[in-house]
Amino acid sequence: MTQDELKQAVARAAIKYVPAGSIIGVGTGSTANFFIDELGAATGLIRGAVASSEATAARLRKHGIAVMDLNEVDTLPVYVDGADEIDAGLSMIKGGGGALTREKIVAAVARTFVCIADASKRVALLGRFPLPIEVIPMARAYVERQVRAMGYEPRLRTGFTTDNGNVILDVHGMQIENPGELERRLNDIVGVVTNGLFARRGADVALIGGPEGVIELKRPQ
């Protein structure tokens, strides 16, 4: 199977986690796009969705799915999104598409976070994929200095602005042994909006597509 076929398979498998008549959260990226297309094919399955980016909102609307404001929703039964990397504990690096802050907000409201990914995203240790940090523009140089002082190498994602009007620093060459602690330390830097570690609120379920089909993993208790 091609990588796109694997992504489509996990997107299709995620539909069973979607309660009929509900409002759900939907992530951003190529795998999430396959899930949106599956939602579109399941006409009338949901009442609407909260989007984690403007691109996701546009794709949902293209399929005739109502896009809701998160401020009008108390809770979401499920949030479905992809990952750039995911480890055995279902902690993730996300934000390759730059939507990490809104993704993290929507995930926080959801009762269940379902990660959909192809097998290439599974890693023993997070950090091979550059870790994104969303930063308020006036704080960029300060945050860079603070991240370097931690022993890491941040690089500005050139020519890119988030939906929130901020910039992204991508941190390369990491080996993250304690993702929850690093997530907290980076978020404590003044000027950081958030970073792309989803460890403190990781996935509850991961649907991983590989040559053997789609396997289901659950977050360790």
N, C-alpha and C. Protein backbone atom coordinates (compact mmCIF):
# COMPACT_ATOMS: atom_id res chain seq x y z
N MET A 1 0.84 -1.20 0.00
CA MET A 1 0.00 0.00 0.00
C MET A 1 0.88 1.25 0.00
N THR A 2 0.43 2.27 -0.72
CA THR A 2 1.14 3.53 -0.69
C THR A 2 0.86 4.26 0.62
N GLN A 3 1.66 5.30 0.90
CA GLN A 3 1.45 6.05 2.13
C GLN A 3 0.07 6.70 2.14
N ASP A 4 -0.37 7.21 0.99
CA ASP A 4 -1.71 7.80 0.93
C ASP A 4 -2.79 6.75 1.19
N GLU A 5 -2.59 5.54 0.70
CA GLU A 5 -3.57 4.47 0.95
C GLU A 5 -3.62 4.10 2.43
N LEU A 6 -2.47 4.13 3.09
CA LEU A 6 -2.43 3.87 4.53
C LEU A 6 -3.17 4.97 5.29
N LYS A 7 -2.94 6.21 4.88
CA LYS A 7 -3.63 7.34 5.53
C LYS A 7 -5.14 7.23 5.34
N GLN A 8 -5.55 6.83 4.14
CA GLN A 8 -6.98 6.68 3.88
C GLN A 8 -7.57 5.56 4.72
N ALA A 9 -6.80 4.49 4.93
CA ALA A 9 -7.29 3.36 5.71
C ALA A 9 -7.52 3.75 7.17
N VAL A 10 -6.58 4.51 7.76
CA VAL A 10 -6.77 4.90 9.16
C VAL A 10 -7.87 5.95 9.28
N ALA A 11 -8.02 6.79 8.28
CA ALA A 11 -9.10 7.78 8.29
C ALA A 11 -10.46 7.08 8.27
N ARG A 12 -10.54 6.05 7.48
CA ARG A 12 -11.80 5.28 7.40
C ARG A 12 -12.07 4.57 8.73
N ALA A 13 -11.00 4.03 9.34
CA ALA A 13 -11.16 3.32 10.61
C ALA A 13 -11.60 4.25 11.72
N ALA A 14 -11.25 5.53 11.63
CA ALA A 14 -11.59 6.49 12.69
C ALA A 14 -13.06 6.82 12.73
N ILE A 15 -13.77 6.58 11.65
CA ILE A 15 -15.19 6.91 11.59
C ILE A 15 -15.97 6.20 12.69
N LYS A 16 -15.53 4.99 13.08
CA LYS A 16 -16.28 4.24 14.10
C LYS A 16 -16.22 4.91 15.46
N TYR A 17 -15.30 5.85 15.66
CA TYR A 17 -15.20 6.58 16.93
C TYR A 17 -16.07 7.83 16.96
N VAL A 18 -16.77 8.10 15.86
CA VAL A 18 -17.56 9.33 15.74
C VAL A 18 -19.01 9.03 16.10
N PRO A 19 -19.51 9.59 17.21
CA PRO A 19 -20.91 9.36 17.57
C PRO A 19 -21.86 10.06 16.58
N ALA A 20 -22.88 9.38 16.17
CA ALA A 20 -23.85 9.96 15.24
C ALA A 20 -24.52 11.18 15.88
N GLY A 21 -24.69 12.22 15.08
CA GLY A 21 -25.38 13.42 15.53
C GLY A 21 -24.56 14.33 16.43
N SER A 22 -23.25 14.08 16.52
CA SER A 22 -22.41 14.85 17.44
C SER A 22 -21.69 16.00 16.74
N ILE A 23 -21.07 16.83 17.55
CA ILE A 23 -20.12 17.84 17.08
C ILE A 23 -18.74 17.37 17.51
N ILE A 24 -17.82 17.24 16.56
CA ILE A 24 -16.51 16.69 16.87
C ILE A 24 -15.40 17.68 16.54
N GLY A 25 -14.20 17.40 17.02
CA GLY A 25 -13.03 18.19 16.68
C GLY A 25 -12.26 17.52 15.56
N VAL A 26 -11.75 18.32 14.63
CA VAL A 26 -11.02 17.79 13.48
C VAL A 26 -9.69 18.52 13.35
N GLY A 27 -8.63 17.74 13.14
CA GLY A 27 -7.28 18.27 13.08
C GLY A 27 -6.89 18.79 11.71
N THR A 28 -5.59 18.96 11.54
CA THR A 28 -5.03 19.59 10.35
C THR A 28 -3.92 18.72 9.78
N GLY A 29 -3.84 18.68 8.46
CA GLY A 29 -2.75 17.96 7.81
C GLY A 29 -3.27 16.95 6.81
N SER A 30 -2.35 16.25 6.15
CA SER A 30 -2.74 15.37 5.05
C SER A 30 -3.58 14.20 5.52
N THR A 31 -3.26 13.61 6.68
CA THR A 31 -4.06 12.48 7.16
C THR A 31 -5.43 12.96 7.63
N ALA A 32 -5.46 14.11 8.31
CA ALA A 32 -6.75 14.69 8.72
C ALA A 32 -7.61 15.01 7.51
N ASN A 33 -6.99 15.41 6.41
CA ASN A 33 -7.76 15.69 5.20
C ASN A 33 -8.48 14.44 4.70
N PHE A 34 -7.82 13.28 4.77
CA PHE A 34 -8.49 12.03 4.38
C PHE A 34 -9.68 11.76 5.30
N PHE A 35 -9.52 12.07 6.59
CA PHE A 35 -10.62 11.88 7.53
C PHE A 35 -11.79 12.80 7.20
N ILE A 36 -11.49 14.04 6.86
CA ILE A 36 -12.56 14.98 6.46
C ILE A 36 -13.31 14.44 5.24
N ASP A 37 -12.57 13.88 4.30
CA ASP A 37 -13.22 13.32 3.11
C ASP A 37 -14.13 12.14 3.49
N GLU A 38 -13.70 11.34 4.46
CA GLU A 38 -14.55 10.24 4.94
C GLU A 38 -15.81 10.77 5.61
N LEU A 39 -15.66 11.85 6.39
CA LEU A 39 -16.84 12.48 7.00
C LEU A 39 -17.80 12.99 5.93
N GLY A 40 -17.22 13.56 4.88
CA GLY A 40 -18.05 14.06 3.80
C GLY A 40 -18.84 12.96 3.12
N ALA A 41 -18.22 11.78 3.01
CA ALA A 41 -18.89 10.65 2.38
C ALA A 41 -19.99 10.07 3.27
N ALA A 42 -19.82 10.24 4.60
CA ALA A 42 -20.82 9.74 5.56
C ALA A 42 -21.86 10.83 5.79
N THR A 43 -22.63 11.12 4.79
CA THR A 43 -23.56 12.25 4.81
C THR A 43 -24.48 12.21 6.02
N GLY A 44 -24.53 13.32 6.75
CA GLY A 44 -25.43 13.45 7.88
C GLY A 44 -24.97 12.78 9.15
N LEU A 45 -23.75 12.24 9.17
CA LEU A 45 -23.28 11.53 10.36
C LEU A 45 -23.15 12.47 11.56
N ILE A 46 -22.60 13.68 11.34
CA ILE A 46 -22.38 14.61 12.44
C ILE A 46 -23.17 15.90 12.21
N ARG A 47 -23.39 16.62 13.31
CA ARG A 47 -24.08 17.92 13.22
C ARG A 47 -23.12 19.02 12.81
N GLY A 48 -21.84 18.84 13.11
CA GLY A 48 -20.87 19.86 12.78
C GLY A 48 -19.52 19.50 13.36
N ALA A 49 -18.55 20.38 13.12
CA ALA A 49 -17.19 20.12 13.58
C ALA A 49 -16.51 21.42 13.99
N VAL A 50 -15.61 21.30 14.95
CA VAL A 50 -14.72 22.40 15.32
C VAL A 50 -13.40 22.16 14.61
N ALA A 51 -12.94 23.13 13.85
CA ALA A 51 -11.73 22.99 13.04
C ALA A 51 -10.52 23.54 13.78
N SER A 52 -9.37 22.88 13.57
CA SER A 52 -8.14 23.32 14.23
C SER A 52 -7.33 24.29 13.37
N SER A 53 -7.83 24.62 12.20
CA SER A 53 -7.14 25.57 11.33
C SER A 53 -8.11 26.13 10.30
N GLU A 54 -7.70 27.21 9.66
CA GLU A 54 -8.53 27.77 8.59
C GLU A 54 -8.59 26.81 7.41
N ALA A 55 -7.49 26.10 7.13
CA ALA A 55 -7.49 25.15 6.02
C ALA A 55 -8.48 24.02 6.27
N THR A 56 -8.50 23.52 7.50
CA THR A 56 -9.45 22.45 7.85
C THR A 56 -10.89 22.96 7.75
N ALA A 57 -11.13 24.17 8.23
CA ALA A 57 -12.48 24.74 8.15
C ALA A 57 -12.95 24.82 6.70
N ALA A 58 -12.05 25.24 5.81
CA ALA A 58 -12.41 25.36 4.39
C ALA A 58 -12.74 23.99 3.80
N ARG A 59 -11.98 22.97 4.17
CA ARG A 59 -12.23 21.64 3.61
C ARG A 59 -13.54 21.06 4.16
N LEU A 60 -13.81 21.29 5.44
CA LEU A 60 -15.08 20.84 6.00
C LEU A 60 -16.26 21.49 5.28
N ARG A 61 -16.19 22.79 5.09
CA ARG A 61 -17.28 23.52 4.43
C ARG A 61 -17.47 23.02 2.99
N LYS A 62 -16.36 22.67 2.33
CA LYS A 62 -16.45 22.16 0.96
C LYS A 62 -17.29 20.89 0.90
N HIS A 63 -17.26 20.12 2.00
CA HIS A 63 -18.06 18.90 2.08
C HIS A 63 -19.45 19.15 2.66
N GLY A 64 -19.79 20.41 2.89
CA GLY A 64 -21.11 20.73 3.42
C GLY A 64 -21.25 20.48 4.91
N ILE A 65 -20.12 20.40 5.62
CA ILE A 65 -20.14 20.17 7.08
C ILE A 65 -20.07 21.50 7.80
N ALA A 66 -21.00 21.73 8.72
CA ALA A 66 -21.04 23.00 9.45
C ALA A 66 -19.82 23.12 10.35
N VAL A 67 -19.18 24.28 10.32
CA VAL A 67 -18.02 24.56 11.17
C VAL A 67 -18.47 25.39 12.36
N MET A 68 -18.20 24.89 13.56
CA MET A 68 -18.67 25.51 14.79
C MET A 68 -17.54 26.27 15.47
N ASP A 69 -17.92 27.31 16.21
CA ASP A 69 -16.97 28.05 17.06
C ASP A 69 -16.80 27.26 18.36
N LEU A 70 -15.55 27.02 18.76
CA LEU A 70 -15.32 26.24 19.98
C LEU A 70 -15.92 26.91 21.21
N ASN A 71 -16.03 28.22 21.20
CA ASN A 71 -16.61 28.94 22.34
C ASN A 71 -18.09 28.64 22.51
N GLU A 72 -18.71 28.04 21.51
CA GLU A 72 -20.13 27.69 21.59
C GLU A 72 -20.34 26.23 21.99
N VAL A 73 -19.23 25.53 22.26
CA VAL A 73 -19.29 24.09 22.55
C VAL A 73 -18.66 23.83 23.91
N ASP A 74 -19.38 23.14 24.79
CA ASP A 74 -18.85 22.84 26.12
C ASP A 74 -17.83 21.71 26.09
N THR A 75 -18.13 20.69 25.31
CA THR A 75 -17.23 19.53 25.24
C THR A 75 -17.39 18.88 23.88
N LEU A 76 -16.39 18.11 23.49
CA LEU A 76 -16.42 17.36 22.24
C LEU A 76 -16.22 15.88 22.59
N PRO A 77 -17.03 14.98 22.02
CA PRO A 77 -16.84 13.57 22.34
C PRO A 77 -15.53 13.02 21.81
N VAL A 78 -15.06 13.58 20.69
CA VAL A 78 -13.84 13.04 20.08
C VAL A 78 -13.14 14.12 19.26
N TYR A 79 -11.82 14.04 19.25
CA TYR A 79 -10.98 14.87 18.38
C TYR A 79 -10.12 13.91 17.57
N VAL A 80 -10.13 14.07 16.25
CA VAL A 80 -9.38 13.19 15.37
C VAL A 80 -8.33 14.01 14.63
N ASP A 81 -7.08 13.56 14.72
CA ASP A 81 -5.99 14.31 14.10
C ASP A 81 -4.82 13.37 13.84
N GLY A 82 -3.91 13.81 13.01
CA GLY A 82 -2.71 13.05 12.71
C GLY A 82 -1.57 13.42 13.65
N ALA A 83 -0.37 12.96 13.31
CA ALA A 83 0.82 13.26 14.10
C ALA A 83 2.03 13.23 13.18
N ASP A 84 3.04 14.00 13.54
CA ASP A 84 4.31 13.94 12.82
C ASP A 84 5.19 12.83 13.37
N GLU A 85 5.07 12.57 14.67
CA GLU A 85 5.70 11.43 15.32
C GLU A 85 4.82 11.00 16.48
N ILE A 86 4.85 9.70 16.79
CA ILE A 86 4.11 9.20 17.95
C ILE A 86 4.92 8.06 18.58
N ASP A 87 5.02 8.06 19.90
CA ASP A 87 5.81 7.04 20.59
C ASP A 87 4.91 5.98 21.22
N ALA A 88 5.52 5.04 21.93
CA ALA A 88 4.76 3.92 22.49
C ALA A 88 3.77 4.35 23.55
N GLY A 89 4.04 5.48 24.22
CA GLY A 89 3.12 6.00 25.23
C GLY A 89 2.05 6.90 24.66
N LEU A 90 2.00 7.04 23.33
CA LEU A 90 1.06 7.88 22.58
C LEU A 90 1.26 9.36 22.84
N SER A 91 2.49 9.74 23.24
CA SER A 91 2.89 11.14 23.18
C SER A 91 3.30 11.43 21.73
N MET A 92 3.13 12.68 21.32
CA MET A 92 3.33 13.01 19.91
C MET A 92 4.11 14.30 19.73
N ILE A 93 4.71 14.44 18.56
CA ILE A 93 5.10 15.73 18.02
C ILE A 93 4.11 16.06 16.93
N LYS A 94 3.54 17.27 17.02
CA LYS A 94 2.59 17.76 16.04
C LYS A 94 2.96 19.20 15.69
N GLY A 95 2.42 19.68 14.59
CA GLY A 95 2.64 21.07 14.22
C GLY A 95 3.47 21.27 12.97
N GLY A 96 3.72 20.18 12.23
CA GLY A 96 4.43 20.35 10.97
C GLY A 96 3.70 21.28 10.02
N GLY A 97 2.37 21.30 10.15
CA GLY A 97 1.56 22.22 9.34
C GLY A 97 1.34 23.57 9.98
N GLY A 98 1.87 23.75 11.19
CA GLY A 98 1.80 25.05 11.85
C GLY A 98 0.55 25.32 12.65
N ALA A 99 -0.31 24.30 12.84
CA ALA A 99 -1.59 24.52 13.53
C ALA A 99 -1.56 24.03 14.97
N LEU A 100 -0.37 23.89 15.56
CA LEU A 100 -0.23 23.22 16.85
C LEU A 100 -1.04 23.87 17.97
N THR A 101 -1.13 25.19 18.02
CA THR A 101 -1.84 25.83 19.13
C THR A 101 -3.33 25.52 19.08
N ARG A 102 -3.93 25.70 17.94
CA ARG A 102 -5.36 25.41 17.83
C ARG A 102 -5.63 23.92 17.99
N GLU A 103 -4.71 23.09 17.49
CA GLU A 103 -4.86 21.64 17.69
C GLU A 103 -4.84 21.31 19.18
N LYS A 104 -3.95 21.93 19.91
CA LYS A 104 -3.83 21.64 21.34
C LYS A 104 -5.07 22.13 22.09
N ILE A 105 -5.63 23.24 21.68
CA ILE A 105 -6.83 23.78 22.33
C ILE A 105 -8.01 22.83 22.09
N VAL A 106 -8.20 22.42 20.84
CA VAL A 106 -9.33 21.54 20.54
C VAL A 106 -9.16 20.20 21.25
N ALA A 107 -7.93 19.68 21.27
CA ALA A 107 -7.67 18.41 21.96
C ALA A 107 -8.00 18.51 23.44
N ALA A 108 -7.76 19.67 24.04
CA ALA A 108 -8.01 19.84 25.47
C ALA A 108 -9.50 19.74 25.80
N VAL A 109 -10.34 20.09 24.85
CA VAL A 109 -11.78 20.10 25.09
C VAL A 109 -12.40 18.71 24.84
N ALA A 110 -11.70 17.88 24.08
CA ALA A 110 -12.26 16.58 23.68
C ALA A 110 -12.11 15.54 24.79
N ARG A 111 -13.11 14.69 24.91
CA ARG A 111 -13.05 13.59 25.87
C ARG A 111 -12.10 12.48 25.39
N THR A 112 -12.07 12.26 24.07
CA THR A 112 -11.21 11.23 23.50
C THR A 112 -10.43 11.81 22.33
N PHE A 113 -9.12 11.60 22.34
CA PHE A 113 -8.25 12.05 21.27
C PHE A 113 -7.84 10.81 20.48
N VAL A 114 -8.26 10.75 19.23
CA VAL A 114 -7.90 9.65 18.35
C VAL A 114 -6.85 10.14 17.36
N CYS A 115 -5.67 9.57 17.43
CA CYS A 115 -4.59 9.90 16.50
C CYS A 115 -4.63 8.90 15.34
N ILE A 116 -4.57 9.42 14.12
CA ILE A 116 -4.53 8.56 12.94
C ILE A 116 -3.21 8.82 12.22
N ALA A 117 -2.48 7.75 11.92
CA ALA A 117 -1.16 7.92 11.32
C ALA A 117 -0.75 6.65 10.59
N ASP A 118 0.14 6.81 9.63
CA ASP A 118 0.74 5.63 9.01
C ASP A 118 1.93 5.19 9.84
N ALA A 119 2.38 3.98 9.62
CA ALA A 119 3.39 3.36 10.49
C ALA A 119 4.72 4.10 10.49
N SER A 120 5.00 4.90 9.47
CA SER A 120 6.27 5.64 9.43
C SER A 120 6.37 6.67 10.54
N LYS A 121 5.22 7.03 11.15
CA LYS A 121 5.22 8.04 12.21
C LYS A 121 5.54 7.46 13.59
N ARG A 122 5.57 6.14 13.71
CA ARG A 122 5.89 5.50 15.00
C ARG A 122 7.39 5.55 15.25
N VAL A 123 7.77 6.01 16.45
CA VAL A 123 9.18 6.11 16.80
C VAL A 123 9.38 5.60 18.23
N ALA A 124 10.61 5.16 18.52
CA ALA A 124 10.94 4.76 19.89
C ALA A 124 11.16 5.98 20.76
N LEU A 125 11.71 7.05 20.15
CA LEU A 125 12.03 8.27 20.88
C LEU A 125 11.67 9.46 20.02
N LEU A 126 10.88 10.38 20.57
CA LEU A 126 10.49 11.57 19.82
C LEU A 126 11.70 12.48 19.60
N GLY A 127 11.67 13.22 18.47
CA GLY A 127 12.67 14.24 18.26
C GLY A 127 13.35 14.24 16.91
N ARG A 128 13.23 13.16 16.17
CA ARG A 128 13.81 13.15 14.82
C ARG A 128 13.09 14.19 13.95
N PHE A 129 11.76 14.26 14.07
CA PHE A 129 11.01 15.32 13.38
C PHE A 129 11.21 16.62 14.14
N PRO A 130 11.53 17.73 13.46
CA PRO A 130 11.75 19.00 14.16
C PRO A 130 10.55 19.40 15.01
N LEU A 131 10.83 19.80 16.25
CA LEU A 131 9.77 20.19 17.18
C LEU A 131 9.38 21.64 16.96
N PRO A 132 8.12 21.92 16.56
CA PRO A 132 7.70 23.30 16.36
C PRO A 132 7.38 24.00 17.69
N ILE A 133 7.72 25.28 17.74
CA ILE A 133 7.34 26.13 18.87
C ILE A 133 6.69 27.39 18.28
N GLU A 134 5.45 27.65 18.65
CA GLU A 134 4.79 28.88 18.19
C GLU A 134 5.16 30.02 19.13
N VAL A 135 5.61 31.13 18.54
CA VAL A 135 6.20 32.22 19.31
C VAL A 135 5.58 33.55 18.87
N ILE A 136 5.28 34.41 19.84
CA ILE A 136 4.87 35.78 19.53
C ILE A 136 6.03 36.49 18.85
N PRO A 137 5.82 37.16 17.71
CA PRO A 137 6.93 37.66 16.91
C PRO A 137 7.95 38.50 17.66
N MET A 138 7.51 39.39 18.56
CA MET A 138 8.48 40.26 19.24
C MET A 138 9.40 39.48 20.18
N ALA A 139 9.02 38.25 20.52
CA ALA A 139 9.81 37.44 21.44
C ALA A 139 10.71 36.44 20.73
N ARG A 140 10.72 36.46 19.40
CA ARG A 140 11.43 35.41 18.66
C ARG A 140 12.89 35.29 19.08
N ALA A 141 13.65 36.38 19.08
CA ALA A 141 15.08 36.30 19.39
C ALA A 141 15.30 35.86 20.84
N TYR A 142 14.47 36.34 21.74
CA TYR A 142 14.60 35.94 23.15
C TYR A 142 14.35 34.45 23.31
N VAL A 143 13.29 33.95 22.68
CA VAL A 143 12.98 32.53 22.80
C VAL A 143 14.10 31.69 22.17
N GLU A 144 14.63 32.14 21.04
CA GLU A 144 15.75 31.43 20.43
C GLU A 144 16.92 31.30 21.41
N ARG A 145 17.24 32.38 22.10
CA ARG A 145 18.36 32.34 23.06
C ARG A 145 18.06 31.37 24.20
N GLN A 146 16.84 31.38 24.68
CA GLN A 146 16.48 30.50 25.79
C GLN A 146 16.52 29.02 25.37
N VAL A 147 16.08 28.74 24.17
CA VAL A 147 16.08 27.36 23.67
C VAL A 147 17.52 26.90 23.45
N ARG A 148 18.37 27.78 22.92
CA ARG A 148 19.78 27.42 22.75
C ARG A 148 20.45 27.16 24.09
N ALA A 149 20.07 27.92 25.10
CA ALA A 149 20.65 27.72 26.44
C ALA A 149 20.27 26.36 27.01
N MET A 150 19.20 25.78 26.50
CA MET A 150 18.79 24.44 26.91
C MET A 150 19.55 23.36 26.15
N GLY A 151 20.37 23.78 25.19
CA GLY A 151 21.17 22.83 24.43
C GLY A 151 20.57 22.41 23.10
N TYR A 152 19.58 23.15 22.61
CA TYR A 152 18.90 22.81 21.37
C TYR A 152 19.15 23.86 20.30
N GLU A 153 18.84 23.51 19.06
CA GLU A 153 19.08 24.41 17.93
C GLU A 153 17.76 24.79 17.24
N PRO A 154 17.21 25.97 17.57
CA PRO A 154 15.97 26.41 16.93
C PRO A 154 16.26 27.12 15.60
N ARG A 155 15.37 26.92 14.64
CA ARG A 155 15.49 27.61 13.35
C ARG A 155 14.13 28.21 13.01
N LEU A 156 14.15 29.45 12.57
CA LEU A 156 12.91 30.13 12.18
C LEU A 156 12.35 29.46 10.93
N ARG A 157 11.06 29.16 10.94
CA ARG A 157 10.38 28.66 9.75
C ARG A 157 10.10 29.87 8.85
N THR A 158 10.90 30.05 7.84
CA THR A 158 10.85 31.27 7.04
C THR A 158 9.61 31.30 6.15
N GLY A 159 9.08 32.51 5.97
CA GLY A 159 7.95 32.72 5.09
C GLY A 159 6.66 32.12 5.58
N PHE A 160 6.57 31.87 6.89
CA PHE A 160 5.36 31.23 7.43
C PHE A 160 4.85 32.01 8.63
N THR A 161 3.53 32.21 8.65
CA THR A 161 2.85 32.81 9.79
C THR A 161 1.67 31.92 10.15
N THR A 162 1.46 31.68 11.43
CA THR A 162 0.35 30.83 11.86
C THR A 162 -0.98 31.55 11.68
N ASP A 163 -2.06 30.79 11.81
CA ASP A 163 -3.40 31.39 11.75
C ASP A 163 -3.59 32.40 12.87
N ASN A 164 -2.76 32.33 13.91
CA ASN A 164 -2.85 33.26 15.04
C ASN A 164 -1.96 34.49 14.85
N GLY A 165 -1.24 34.57 13.72
CA GLY A 165 -0.38 35.70 13.45
C GLY A 165 1.00 35.61 14.08
N ASN A 166 1.41 34.41 14.46
CA ASN A 166 2.70 34.20 15.12
C ASN A 166 3.68 33.49 14.20
N VAL A 167 4.92 33.32 14.70
CA VAL A 167 5.96 32.64 13.94
C VAL A 167 6.23 31.27 14.57
N ILE A 168 6.93 30.43 13.80
CA ILE A 168 7.29 29.10 14.27
C ILE A 168 8.81 28.96 14.31
N LEU A 169 9.32 28.48 15.43
CA LEU A 169 10.69 28.02 15.53
C LEU A 169 10.67 26.50 15.50
N ASP A 170 11.44 25.90 14.60
CA ASP A 170 11.55 24.44 14.53
C ASP A 170 12.87 24.03 15.16
N VAL A 171 12.79 23.12 16.13
CA VAL A 171 13.98 22.68 16.87
C VAL A 171 14.41 21.32 16.32
N HIS A 172 15.65 21.27 15.82
CA HIS A 172 16.13 20.09 15.10
C HIS A 172 17.05 19.23 15.97
N GLY A 173 17.15 17.96 15.58
CA GLY A 173 18.13 17.06 16.15
C GLY A 173 17.94 16.73 17.61
N MET A 174 16.71 16.54 18.03
CA MET A 174 16.43 16.28 19.44
C MET A 174 16.28 14.78 19.70
N GLN A 175 16.51 14.39 20.93
CA GLN A 175 16.17 13.07 21.44
C GLN A 175 15.44 13.29 22.75
N ILE A 176 14.12 13.13 22.73
CA ILE A 176 13.27 13.58 23.84
C ILE A 176 12.93 12.38 24.72
N GLU A 177 13.58 12.28 25.85
CA GLU A 177 13.37 11.14 26.74
C GLU A 177 12.21 11.36 27.71
N ASN A 178 11.92 12.62 28.02
CA ASN A 178 10.81 12.94 28.92
C ASN A 178 9.96 14.02 28.27
N PRO A 179 9.07 13.64 27.33
CA PRO A 179 8.33 14.65 26.57
C PRO A 179 7.42 15.52 27.42
N GLY A 180 6.82 14.98 28.47
CA GLY A 180 5.94 15.79 29.31
C GLY A 180 6.69 16.89 30.02
N GLU A 181 7.86 16.59 30.54
CA GLU A 181 8.66 17.59 31.24
C GLU A 181 9.19 18.64 30.26
N LEU A 182 9.65 18.22 29.09
CA LEU A 182 10.14 19.19 28.11
C LEU A 182 9.01 20.08 27.62
N GLU A 183 7.84 19.52 27.43
CA GLU A 183 6.68 20.32 27.03
C GLU A 183 6.44 21.44 28.03
N ARG A 184 6.49 21.12 29.31
CA ARG A 184 6.28 22.12 30.35
C ARG A 184 7.39 23.18 30.34
N ARG A 185 8.64 22.76 30.24
CA ARG A 185 9.77 23.69 30.28
C ARG A 185 9.73 24.68 29.12
N LEU A 186 9.42 24.19 27.94
CA LEU A 186 9.37 25.09 26.78
C LEU A 186 8.20 26.06 26.91
N ASN A 187 7.06 25.58 27.39
CA ASN A 187 5.90 26.46 27.53
C ASN A 187 6.11 27.51 28.61
N ASP A 188 7.05 27.29 29.52
CA ASP A 188 7.33 28.26 30.57
C ASP A 188 8.17 29.44 30.08
N ILE A 189 8.73 29.35 28.87
CA ILE A 189 9.51 30.46 28.33
C ILE A 189 8.56 31.58 27.92
N VAL A 190 8.80 32.77 28.44
CA VAL A 190 7.96 33.91 28.11
C VAL A 190 8.03 34.19 26.60
N GLY A 191 6.87 34.34 25.98
CA GLY A 191 6.80 34.59 24.55
C GLY A 191 6.42 33.35 23.75
N VAL A 192 6.53 32.17 24.37
CA VAL A 192 6.08 30.94 23.73
C VAL A 192 4.57 30.82 23.90
N VAL A 193 3.88 30.61 22.80
CA VAL A 193 2.44 30.37 22.87
C VAL A 193 2.21 28.92 23.29
N THR A 194 2.79 28.00 22.55
CA THR A 194 2.85 26.60 22.95
C THR A 194 3.84 25.90 22.05
N ASN A 195 4.16 24.66 22.38
CA ASN A 195 5.05 23.87 21.53
C ASN A 195 4.33 22.62 21.06
N GLY A 196 4.95 21.93 20.10
CA GLY A 196 4.30 20.82 19.42
C GLY A 196 4.39 19.48 20.11
N LEU A 197 4.82 19.45 21.37
CA LEU A 197 4.78 18.21 22.14
C LEU A 197 3.37 18.02 22.70
N PHE A 198 2.76 16.91 22.36
CA PHE A 198 1.45 16.54 22.90
C PHE A 198 1.69 15.33 23.79
N ALA A 199 2.18 15.63 25.00
CA ALA A 199 2.50 14.58 25.96
C ALA A 199 1.60 14.67 27.18
N ARG A 200 1.46 15.88 27.70
CA ARG A 200 0.59 16.06 28.86
C ARG A 200 -0.86 15.79 28.49
N ARG A 201 -1.22 16.06 27.25
CA ARG A 201 -2.50 15.64 26.69
C ARG A 201 -2.19 14.89 25.39
N GLY A 202 -1.77 13.64 25.54
CA GLY A 202 -1.46 12.83 24.38
C GLY A 202 -2.71 12.17 23.83
N ALA A 203 -2.52 11.28 22.86
CA ALA A 203 -3.65 10.56 22.29
C ALA A 203 -4.16 9.51 23.26
N ASP A 204 -5.46 9.30 23.25
CA ASP A 204 -6.06 8.20 24.01
C ASP A 204 -6.03 6.91 23.21
N VAL A 205 -6.18 7.06 21.89
CA VAL A 205 -6.18 5.93 20.96
C VAL A 205 -5.36 6.33 19.75
N ALA A 206 -4.56 5.40 19.24
CA ALA A 206 -3.86 5.61 17.98
C ALA A 206 -4.26 4.52 17.00
N LEU A 207 -4.64 4.93 15.81
CA LEU A 207 -4.92 4.01 14.72
C LEU A 207 -3.76 4.11 13.74
N ILE A 208 -2.97 3.05 13.66
CA ILE A 208 -1.74 3.06 12.88
C ILE A 208 -1.90 2.16 11.67
N GLY A 209 -1.67 2.73 10.49
CA GLY A 209 -1.80 1.97 9.26
C GLY A 209 -0.45 1.45 8.79
N GLY A 210 -0.37 0.14 8.57
CA GLY A 210 0.85 -0.47 8.09
C GLY A 210 0.54 -1.62 7.15
N PRO A 211 1.57 -2.36 6.74
CA PRO A 211 1.36 -3.46 5.80
C PRO A 211 0.38 -4.51 6.31
N GLU A 212 0.30 -4.66 7.65
CA GLU A 212 -0.60 -5.66 8.23
C GLU A 212 -2.02 -5.14 8.40
N GLY A 213 -2.27 -3.90 7.99
CA GLY A 213 -3.58 -3.29 8.15
C GLY A 213 -3.54 -2.22 9.23
N VAL A 214 -4.70 -1.87 9.75
CA VAL A 214 -4.81 -0.84 10.77
C VAL A 214 -4.80 -1.51 12.15
N ILE A 215 -3.86 -1.08 13.00
CA ILE A 215 -3.83 -1.59 14.35
C ILE A 215 -4.25 -0.47 15.31
N GLU A 216 -4.86 -0.86 16.42
CA GLU A 216 -5.33 0.09 17.42
C GLU A 216 -4.43 0.00 18.66
N LEU A 217 -3.93 1.14 19.08
CA LEU A 217 -3.13 1.23 20.29
C LEU A 217 -3.84 2.13 21.27
N LYS A 218 -3.76 1.82 22.56
CA LYS A 218 -4.38 2.65 23.58
C LYS A 218 -3.32 3.19 24.54
N ARG A 219 -3.55 4.40 25.02
CA ARG A 219 -2.60 5.05 25.90
C ARG A 219 -2.45 4.25 27.19
N PRO A 220 -1.22 3.99 27.63
CA PRO A 220 -1.03 3.27 28.88
C PRO A 220 -1.67 4.00 30.05
N GLN A 221 -2.28 3.27 30.95
CA GLN A 221 -2.94 3.88 32.11
C GLN A 221 -1.93 4.14 33.23
